[in-house]
Amino acid sequence: MFRFDRLIRRDMIIRDVKQRHPATRPVFDNLHFRDSCDDCTIEAVARKNGLQIPDLVDALNAAAFGVQAEGDEHASHQ
């Protein structure tokens, strides 16, 4: 059974996400996230780069798990 508490969230540190979910690296690379940002949260770097946070979190979860985080980010953080 899938555990929703394992989903990637906006408040997670990029380095931790990359280590736990190597399949997310191409998502970060395609968005040109610099390695110097690895100690920042997903939310902070997304805001700085003008990205939609829910879309980024969904893309990361899709890469890591093959699912979309419906309701996880959209409902609780808008």
PDB file of N, CA and C in Angstrom:
ATOM      1  N   MET A   1       0.831  -1.179   0.000  1.00  0.00           N
ATOM      2  CA  MET A   1       0.000   0.000   0.000  1.00  0.00           C
ATOM      3  C   MET A   1       0.880   1.248   0.000  1.00  0.00           C
ATOM      4  N   PHE A   2       0.469   2.243  -0.765  1.00  0.00           N
ATOM      5  CA  PHE A   2       1.218   3.482  -0.870  1.00  0.00           C
ATOM      6  C   PHE A   2       0.999   4.331   0.375  1.00  0.00           C
ATOM      7  N   ARG A   3       2.083   4.879   0.897  1.00  0.00           N
ATOM      8  CA  ARG A   3       2.001   5.727   2.087  1.00  0.00           C
ATOM      9  C   ARG A   3       2.162   7.184   1.681  1.00  0.00           C
ATOM     10  N   PHE A   4       1.139   7.974   1.903  1.00  0.00           N
ATOM     11  CA  PHE A   4       1.165   9.371   1.517  1.00  0.00           C
ATOM     12  C   PHE A   4       2.164  10.188   2.309  1.00  0.00           C
ATOM     13  N   ASP A   5       2.571   9.710   3.475  1.00  0.00           N
ATOM     14  CA  ASP A   5       3.559  10.447   4.254  1.00  0.00           C
ATOM     15  C   ASP A   5       4.946  10.370   3.632  1.00  0.00           C
ATOM     16  N   ARG A   6       5.106   9.565   2.612  1.00  0.00           N
ATOM     17  CA  ARG A   6       6.388   9.479   1.904  1.00  0.00           C
ATOM     18  C   ARG A   6       6.464  10.421   0.700  1.00  0.00           C
ATOM     19  N   LEU A   7       5.368  11.085   0.372  1.00  0.00           N
ATOM     20  CA  LEU A   7       5.361  11.998  -0.760  1.00  0.00           C
ATOM     21  C   LEU A   7       6.322  13.162  -0.534  1.00  0.00           C
ATOM     22  N   ILE A   8       6.843  13.671  -1.613  1.00  0.00           N
ATOM     23  CA  ILE A   8       7.704  14.846  -1.570  1.00  0.00           C
ATOM     24  C   ILE A   8       6.813  16.057  -1.319  1.00  0.00           C
ATOM     25  N   ARG A   9       7.261  16.923  -0.389  1.00  0.00           N
ATOM     26  CA  ARG A   9       6.516  18.123  -0.025  1.00  0.00           C
ATOM     27  C   ARG A   9       7.349  19.365  -0.307  1.00  0.00           C
ATOM     28  N   ARG A  10       6.680  20.473  -0.362  1.00  0.00           N
ATOM     29  CA  ARG A  10       7.329  21.747  -0.684  1.00  0.00           C
ATOM     30  C   ARG A  10       8.364  22.181   0.349  1.00  0.00           C
ATOM     31  N   ASP A  11       8.239  21.728   1.586  1.00  0.00           N
ATOM     32  CA  ASP A  11       9.146  22.162   2.648  1.00  0.00           C
ATOM     33  C   ASP A  11      10.384  21.269   2.781  1.00  0.00           C
ATOM     34  N   MET A  12      10.534  20.318   1.876  1.00  0.00           N
ATOM     35  CA  MET A  12      11.681  19.398   1.950  1.00  0.00           C
ATOM     36  C   MET A  12      12.942  20.042   1.357  1.00  0.00           C
ATOM     37  N   ILE A  13      14.081  19.635   1.894  1.00  0.00           N
ATOM     38  CA  ILE A  13      15.375  20.112   1.417  1.00  0.00           C
ATOM     39  C   ILE A  13      15.732  19.350   0.135  1.00  0.00           C
ATOM     40  N   ILE A  14      16.184  20.075  -0.866  1.00  0.00           N
ATOM     41  CA  ILE A  14      16.466  19.487  -2.178  1.00  0.00           C
ATOM     42  C   ILE A  14      17.480  18.357  -2.080  1.00  0.00           C
ATOM     43  N   ARG A  15      18.537  18.538  -1.315  1.00  0.00           N
ATOM     44  CA  ARG A  15      19.560  17.498  -1.181  1.00  0.00           C
ATOM     45  C   ARG A  15      18.943  16.188  -0.667  1.00  0.00           C
ATOM     46  N   ASP A  16      18.058  16.294   0.322  1.00  0.00           N
ATOM     47  CA  ASP A  16      17.403  15.111   0.881  1.00  0.00           C
ATOM     48  C   ASP A  16      16.535  14.410  -0.164  1.00  0.00           C
ATOM     49  N   VAL A  17      15.818  15.204  -0.944  1.00  0.00           N
ATOM     50  CA  VAL A  17      14.955  14.634  -1.985  1.00  0.00           C
ATOM     51  C   VAL A  17      15.802  13.893  -3.019  1.00  0.00           C
ATOM     52  N   LYS A  18      16.885  14.506  -3.448  1.00  0.00           N
ATOM     53  CA  LYS A  18      17.761  13.871  -4.445  1.00  0.00           C
ATOM     54  C   LYS A  18      18.356  12.564  -3.907  1.00  0.00           C
ATOM     55  N   GLN A  19      18.725  12.550  -2.638  1.00  0.00           N
ATOM     56  CA  GLN A  19      19.316  11.346  -2.054  1.00  0.00           C
ATOM     57  C   GLN A  19      18.293  10.236  -1.889  1.00  0.00           C
ATOM     58  N   ARG A  20      17.104  10.576  -1.424  1.00  0.00           N
ATOM     59  CA  ARG A  20      16.064   9.560  -1.194  1.00  0.00           C
ATOM     60  C   ARG A  20      15.394   9.096  -2.478  1.00  0.00           C
ATOM     61  N   HIS A  21      15.339   9.996  -3.457  1.00  0.00           N
ATOM     62  CA  HIS A  21      14.623   9.707  -4.707  1.00  0.00           C
ATOM     63  C   HIS A  21      15.486  10.110  -5.903  1.00  0.00           C
ATOM     64  N   PRO A  22      16.476   9.305  -6.259  1.00  0.00           N
ATOM     65  CA  PRO A  22      17.378   9.652  -7.365  1.00  0.00           C
ATOM     66  C   PRO A  22      16.659   9.914  -8.691  1.00  0.00           C
ATOM     67  N   ALA A  23      15.488   9.367  -8.871  1.00  0.00           N
ATOM     68  CA  ALA A  23      14.738   9.582 -10.113  1.00  0.00           C
ATOM     69  C   ALA A  23      14.287  11.035 -10.263  1.00  0.00           C
ATOM     70  N   THR A  24      14.393  11.838  -9.197  1.00  0.00           N
ATOM     71  CA  THR A  24      14.003  13.252  -9.284  1.00  0.00           C
ATOM     72  C   THR A  24      15.116  14.131  -9.839  1.00  0.00           C
ATOM     73  N   ARG A  25      16.317  13.625  -9.896  1.00  0.00           N
ATOM     74  CA  ARG A  25      17.451  14.442 -10.370  1.00  0.00           C
ATOM     75  C   ARG A  25      17.209  15.051 -11.745  1.00  0.00           C
ATOM     76  N   PRO A  26      16.673  14.298 -12.717  1.00  0.00           N
ATOM     77  CA  PRO A  26      16.418  14.917 -14.024  1.00  0.00           C
ATOM     78  C   PRO A  26      15.425  16.079 -13.962  1.00  0.00           C
ATOM     79  N   VAL A  27      14.470  16.021 -13.053  1.00  0.00           N
ATOM     80  CA  VAL A  27      13.518  17.133 -12.912  1.00  0.00           C
ATOM     81  C   VAL A  27      14.269  18.381 -12.473  1.00  0.00           C
ATOM     82  N   PHE A  28      15.106  18.246 -11.460  1.00  0.00           N
ATOM     83  CA  PHE A  28      15.899  19.390 -10.997  1.00  0.00           C
ATOM     84  C   PHE A  28      16.853  19.870 -12.089  1.00  0.00           C
ATOM     85  N   ASP A  29      17.480  18.937 -12.796  1.00  0.00           N
ATOM     86  CA  ASP A  29      18.413  19.306 -13.871  1.00  0.00           C
ATOM     87  C   ASP A  29      17.704  20.048 -14.998  1.00  0.00           C
ATOM     88  N   ASN A  30      16.525  19.582 -15.386  1.00  0.00           N
ATOM     89  CA  ASN A  30      15.778  20.226 -16.469  1.00  0.00           C
ATOM     90  C   ASN A  30      15.352  21.642 -16.107  1.00  0.00           C
ATOM     91  N   LEU A  31      15.187  21.896 -14.835  1.00  0.00           N
ATOM     92  CA  LEU A  31      14.810  23.232 -14.368  1.00  0.00           C
ATOM     93  C   LEU A  31      16.031  24.094 -14.053  1.00  0.00           C
ATOM     94  N   HIS A  32      17.208  23.543 -14.285  1.00  0.00           N
ATOM     95  CA  HIS A  32      18.484  24.251 -14.083  1.00  0.00           C
ATOM     96  C   HIS A  32      18.700  24.685 -12.638  1.00  0.00           C
ATOM     97  N   PHE A  33      18.261  23.835 -11.705  1.00  0.00           N
ATOM     98  CA  PHE A  33      18.546  24.104 -10.299  1.00  0.00           C
ATOM     99  C   PHE A  33      20.048  23.887 -10.090  1.00  0.00           C
ATOM    100  N   ARG A  34      20.689  24.834  -9.455  1.00  0.00           N
ATOM    101  CA  ARG A  34      22.129  24.726  -9.201  1.00  0.00           C
ATOM    102  C   ARG A  34      22.395  23.875  -7.965  1.00  0.00           C
ATOM    103  N   ASP A  35      23.554  23.228  -7.957  1.00  0.00           N
ATOM    104  CA  ASP A  35      23.929  22.425  -6.793  1.00  0.00           C
ATOM    105  C   ASP A  35      24.038  23.284  -5.531  1.00  0.00           C
ATOM    106  N   SER A  36      24.329  24.568  -5.698  1.00  0.00           N
ATOM    107  CA  SER A  36      24.427  25.454  -4.533  1.00  0.00           C
ATOM    108  C   SER A  36      23.072  25.633  -3.846  1.00  0.00           C
ATOM    109  N   CYS A  37      21.991  25.255  -4.525  1.00  0.00           N
ATOM    110  CA  CYS A  37      20.647  25.351  -3.948  1.00  0.00           C
ATOM    111  C   CYS A  37      20.233  24.084  -3.218  1.00  0.00           C
ATOM    112  N   ASP A  38      21.086  23.088  -3.189  1.00  0.00           N
ATOM    113  CA  ASP A  38      20.714  21.803  -2.606  1.00  0.00           C
ATOM    114  C   ASP A  38      20.369  21.871  -1.123  1.00  0.00           C
ATOM    115  N   ASP A  39      20.829  22.889  -0.417  1.00  0.00           N
ATOM    116  CA  ASP A  39      20.521  23.013   1.006  1.00  0.00           C
ATOM    117  C   ASP A  39      19.278  23.863   1.268  1.00  0.00           C
ATOM    118  N   CYS A  40      18.590  24.245   0.205  1.00  0.00           N
ATOM    119  CA  CYS A  40      17.369  25.045   0.314  1.00  0.00           C
ATOM    120  C   CYS A  40      16.143  24.152   0.193  1.00  0.00           C
ATOM    121  N   THR A  41      14.999  24.700   0.570  1.00  0.00           N
ATOM    122  CA  THR A  41      13.752  23.962   0.394  1.00  0.00           C
ATOM    123  C   THR A  41      13.303  24.059  -1.057  1.00  0.00           C
ATOM    124  N   ILE A  42      12.483  23.108  -1.447  1.00  0.00           N
ATOM    125  CA  ILE A  42      11.905  23.125  -2.789  1.00  0.00           C
ATOM    126  C   ILE A  42      11.134  24.426  -2.986  1.00  0.00           C
ATOM    127  N   GLU A  43      10.361  24.814  -1.988  1.00  0.00           N
ATOM    128  CA  GLU A  43       9.542  26.013  -2.088  1.00  0.00           C
ATOM    129  C   GLU A  43      10.385  27.267  -2.308  1.00  0.00           C
ATOM    130  N   ALA A  44      11.463  27.434  -1.557  1.00  0.00           N
ATOM    131  CA  ALA A  44      12.296  28.632  -1.673  1.00  0.00           C
ATOM    132  C   ALA A  44      12.900  28.761  -3.063  1.00  0.00           C
ATOM    133  N   VAL A  45      13.409  27.673  -3.592  1.00  0.00           N
ATOM    134  CA  VAL A  45      14.049  27.724  -4.909  1.00  0.00           C
ATOM    135  C   VAL A  45      12.998  27.905  -6.010  1.00  0.00           C
ATOM    136  N   ALA A  46      11.853  27.273  -5.852  1.00  0.00           N
ATOM    137  CA  ALA A  46      10.784  27.437  -6.842  1.00  0.00           C
ATOM    138  C   ALA A  46      10.330  28.891  -6.898  1.00  0.00           C
ATOM    139  N   ARG A  47      10.117  29.491  -5.736  1.00  0.00           N
ATOM    140  CA  ARG A  47       9.694  30.901  -5.694  1.00  0.00           C
ATOM    141  C   ARG A  47      10.749  31.801  -6.335  1.00  0.00           C
ATOM    142  N   LYS A  48      11.994  31.551  -6.018  1.00  0.00           N
ATOM    143  CA  LYS A  48      13.080  32.376  -6.556  1.00  0.00           C
ATOM    144  C   LYS A  48      13.143  32.287  -8.079  1.00  0.00           C
ATOM    145  N   ASN A  49      12.757  31.127  -8.617  1.00  0.00           N
ATOM    146  CA  ASN A  49      12.810  30.921 -10.062  1.00  0.00           C
ATOM    147  C   ASN A  49      11.458  31.134 -10.753  1.00  0.00           C
ATOM    148  N   GLY A  50      10.468  31.602 -10.010  1.00  0.00           N
ATOM    149  CA  GLY A  50       9.171  31.907 -10.588  1.00  0.00           C
ATOM    150  C   GLY A  50       8.379  30.686 -11.027  1.00  0.00           C
ATOM    151  N   LEU A  51       8.597  29.555 -10.365  1.00  0.00           N
ATOM    152  CA  LEU A  51       7.899  28.316 -10.715  1.00  0.00           C
ATOM    153  C   LEU A  51       6.664  28.127  -9.848  1.00  0.00           C
ATOM    154  N   GLN A  52       5.691  27.438 -10.378  1.00  0.00           N
ATOM    155  CA  GLN A  52       4.496  27.089  -9.625  1.00  0.00           C
ATOM    156  C   GLN A  52       4.838  25.921  -8.704  1.00  0.00           C
ATOM    157  N   ILE A  53       4.766  26.141  -7.423  1.00  0.00           N
ATOM    158  CA  ILE A  53       5.186  25.138  -6.448  1.00  0.00           C
ATOM    159  C   ILE A  53       4.377  23.843  -6.559  1.00  0.00           C
ATOM    160  N   PRO A  54       3.044  23.895  -6.645  1.00  0.00           N
ATOM    161  CA  PRO A  54       2.296  22.636  -6.759  1.00  0.00           C
ATOM    162  C   PRO A  54       2.677  21.828  -8.004  1.00  0.00           C
ATOM    163  N   ASP A  55       2.930  22.521  -9.105  1.00  0.00           N
ATOM    164  CA  ASP A  55       3.327  21.824 -10.330  1.00  0.00           C
ATOM    165  C   ASP A  55       4.683  21.145 -10.173  1.00  0.00           C
ATOM    166  N   LEU A  56       5.609  21.838  -9.527  1.00  0.00           N
ATOM    167  CA  LEU A  56       6.932  21.267  -9.299  1.00  0.00           C
ATOM    168  C   LEU A  56       6.853  20.061  -8.371  1.00  0.00           C
ATOM    169  N   VAL A  57       6.102  20.186  -7.282  1.00  0.00           N
ATOM    170  CA  VAL A  57       5.958  19.075  -6.342  1.00  0.00           C
ATOM    171  C   VAL A  57       5.305  17.877  -7.031  1.00  0.00           C
ATOM    172  N   ASP A  58       4.295  18.133  -7.867  1.00  0.00           N
ATOM    173  CA  ASP A  58       3.651  17.046  -8.610  1.00  0.00           C
ATOM    174  C   ASP A  58       4.643  16.366  -9.548  1.00  0.00           C
ATOM    175  N   ALA A  59       5.472  17.150 -10.232  1.00  0.00           N
ATOM    176  CA  ALA A  59       6.467  16.579 -11.153  1.00  0.00           C
ATOM    177  C   ALA A  59       7.484  15.730 -10.396  1.00  0.00           C
ATOM    178  N   LEU A  60       7.912  16.189  -9.237  1.00  0.00           N
ATOM    179  CA  LEU A  60       8.863  15.429  -8.429  1.00  0.00           C
ATOM    180  C   LEU A  60       8.249  14.122  -7.928  1.00  0.00           C
ATOM    181  N   ASN A  61       7.008  14.184  -7.477  1.00  0.00           N
ATOM    182  CA  ASN A  61       6.340  12.965  -7.015  1.00  0.00           C
ATOM    183  C   ASN A  61       6.097  11.995  -8.164  1.00  0.00           C
ATOM    184  N   ALA A  62       5.769  12.525  -9.324  1.00  0.00           N
ATOM    185  CA  ALA A  62       5.573  11.660 -10.487  1.00  0.00           C
ATOM    186  C   ALA A  62       6.882  10.961 -10.847  1.00  0.00           C
ATOM    187  N   ALA A  63       7.988  11.686 -10.774  1.00  0.00           N
ATOM    188  CA  ALA A  63       9.291  11.083 -11.076  1.00  0.00           C
ATOM    189  C   ALA A  63       9.665  10.038 -10.024  1.00  0.00           C
ATOM    190  N   ALA A  64       9.399  10.348  -8.771  1.00  0.00           N
ATOM    191  CA  ALA A  64       9.798   9.450  -7.684  1.00  0.00           C
ATOM    192  C   ALA A  64       8.889   8.231  -7.554  1.00  0.00           C
ATOM    193  N   PHE A  65       7.581   8.446  -7.744  1.00  0.00           N
ATOM    194  CA  PHE A  65       6.617   7.385  -7.442  1.00  0.00           C
ATOM    195  C   PHE A  65       5.701   7.011  -8.600  1.00  0.00           C
ATOM    196  N   GLY A  66       5.693   7.835  -9.641  1.00  0.00           N
ATOM    197  CA  GLY A  66       4.773   7.583 -10.744  1.00  0.00           C
ATOM    198  C   GLY A  66       3.347   7.965 -10.400  1.00  0.00           C
ATOM    199  N   VAL A  67       3.185   8.881  -9.422  1.00  0.00           N
ATOM    200  CA  VAL A  67       1.858   9.342  -9.016  1.00  0.00           C
ATOM    201  C   VAL A  67       1.844  10.858  -8.958  1.00  0.00           C
ATOM    202  N   GLN A  68       0.649  11.401  -8.910  1.00  0.00           N
ATOM    203  CA  GLN A  68       0.502  12.825  -8.677  1.00  0.00           C
ATOM    204  C   GLN A  68      -0.027  13.011  -7.265  1.00  0.00           C
ATOM    205  N   ALA A  69       0.426  14.044  -6.639  1.00  0.00           N
ATOM    206  CA  ALA A  69       0.057  14.297  -5.244  1.00  0.00           C
ATOM    207  C   ALA A  69      -1.250  15.064  -5.186  1.00  0.00           C
ATOM    208  N   GLU A  70      -2.281  14.544  -5.771  1.00  0.00           N
ATOM    209  CA  GLU A  70      -3.588  15.200  -5.779  1.00  0.00           C
ATOM    210  C   GLU A  70      -4.029  15.493  -4.355  1.00  0.00           C
ATOM    211  N   GLY A  71      -4.343  16.739  -4.118  1.00  0.00           N
ATOM    212  CA  GLY A  71      -4.848  17.121  -2.811  1.00  0.00           C
ATOM    213  C   GLY A  71      -3.772  17.399  -1.789  1.00  0.00           C
ATOM    214  N   ASP A  72      -2.608  16.792  -1.915  1.00  0.00           N
ATOM    215  CA  ASP A  72      -1.558  16.963  -0.912  1.00  0.00           C
ATOM    216  C   ASP A  72      -1.101  18.411  -0.846  1.00  0.00           C
ATOM    217  N   GLU A  73      -0.613  18.930  -1.940  1.00  0.00           N
ATOM    218  CA  GLU A  73      -0.121  20.303  -1.962  1.00  0.00           C
ATOM    219  C   GLU A  73      -1.235  21.284  -2.299  1.00  0.00           C
ATOM    220  N   HIS A  74      -2.110  20.916  -3.216  1.00  0.00           N
ATOM    221  CA  HIS A  74      -3.126  21.846  -3.679  1.00  0.00           C
ATOM    222  C   HIS A  74      -4.088  22.236  -2.568  1.00  0.00           C
ATOM    223  N   ALA A  75      -4.527  21.309  -1.795  1.00  0.00           N
ATOM    224  CA  ALA A  75      -5.550  21.574  -0.790  1.00  0.00           C
ATOM    225  C   ALA A  75      -4.985  22.267   0.436  1.00  0.00           C
ATOM    226  N   SER A  76      -3.800  21.876   0.847  1.00  0.00           N
ATOM    227  CA  SER A  76      -3.321  22.358   2.136  1.00  0.00           C
ATOM    228  C   SER A  76      -2.416  23.583   2.073  1.00  0.00           C
ATOM    229  N   HIS A  77      -1.992  24.001   0.870  1.00  0.00           N
ATOM    230  CA  HIS A  77      -1.011  25.094   0.828  1.00  0.00           C
ATOM    231  C   HIS A  77      -1.337  26.158  -0.192  1.00  0.00           C
ATOM    232  N   GLN A  78      -2.588  26.362  -0.525  1.00  0.00           N
ATOM    233  CA  GLN A  78      -2.892  27.408  -1.491  1.00  0.00           C
ATOM    234  C   GLN A  78      -3.177  28.701  -0.826  1.00  0.00           C
TER     235      GLN A  78
END
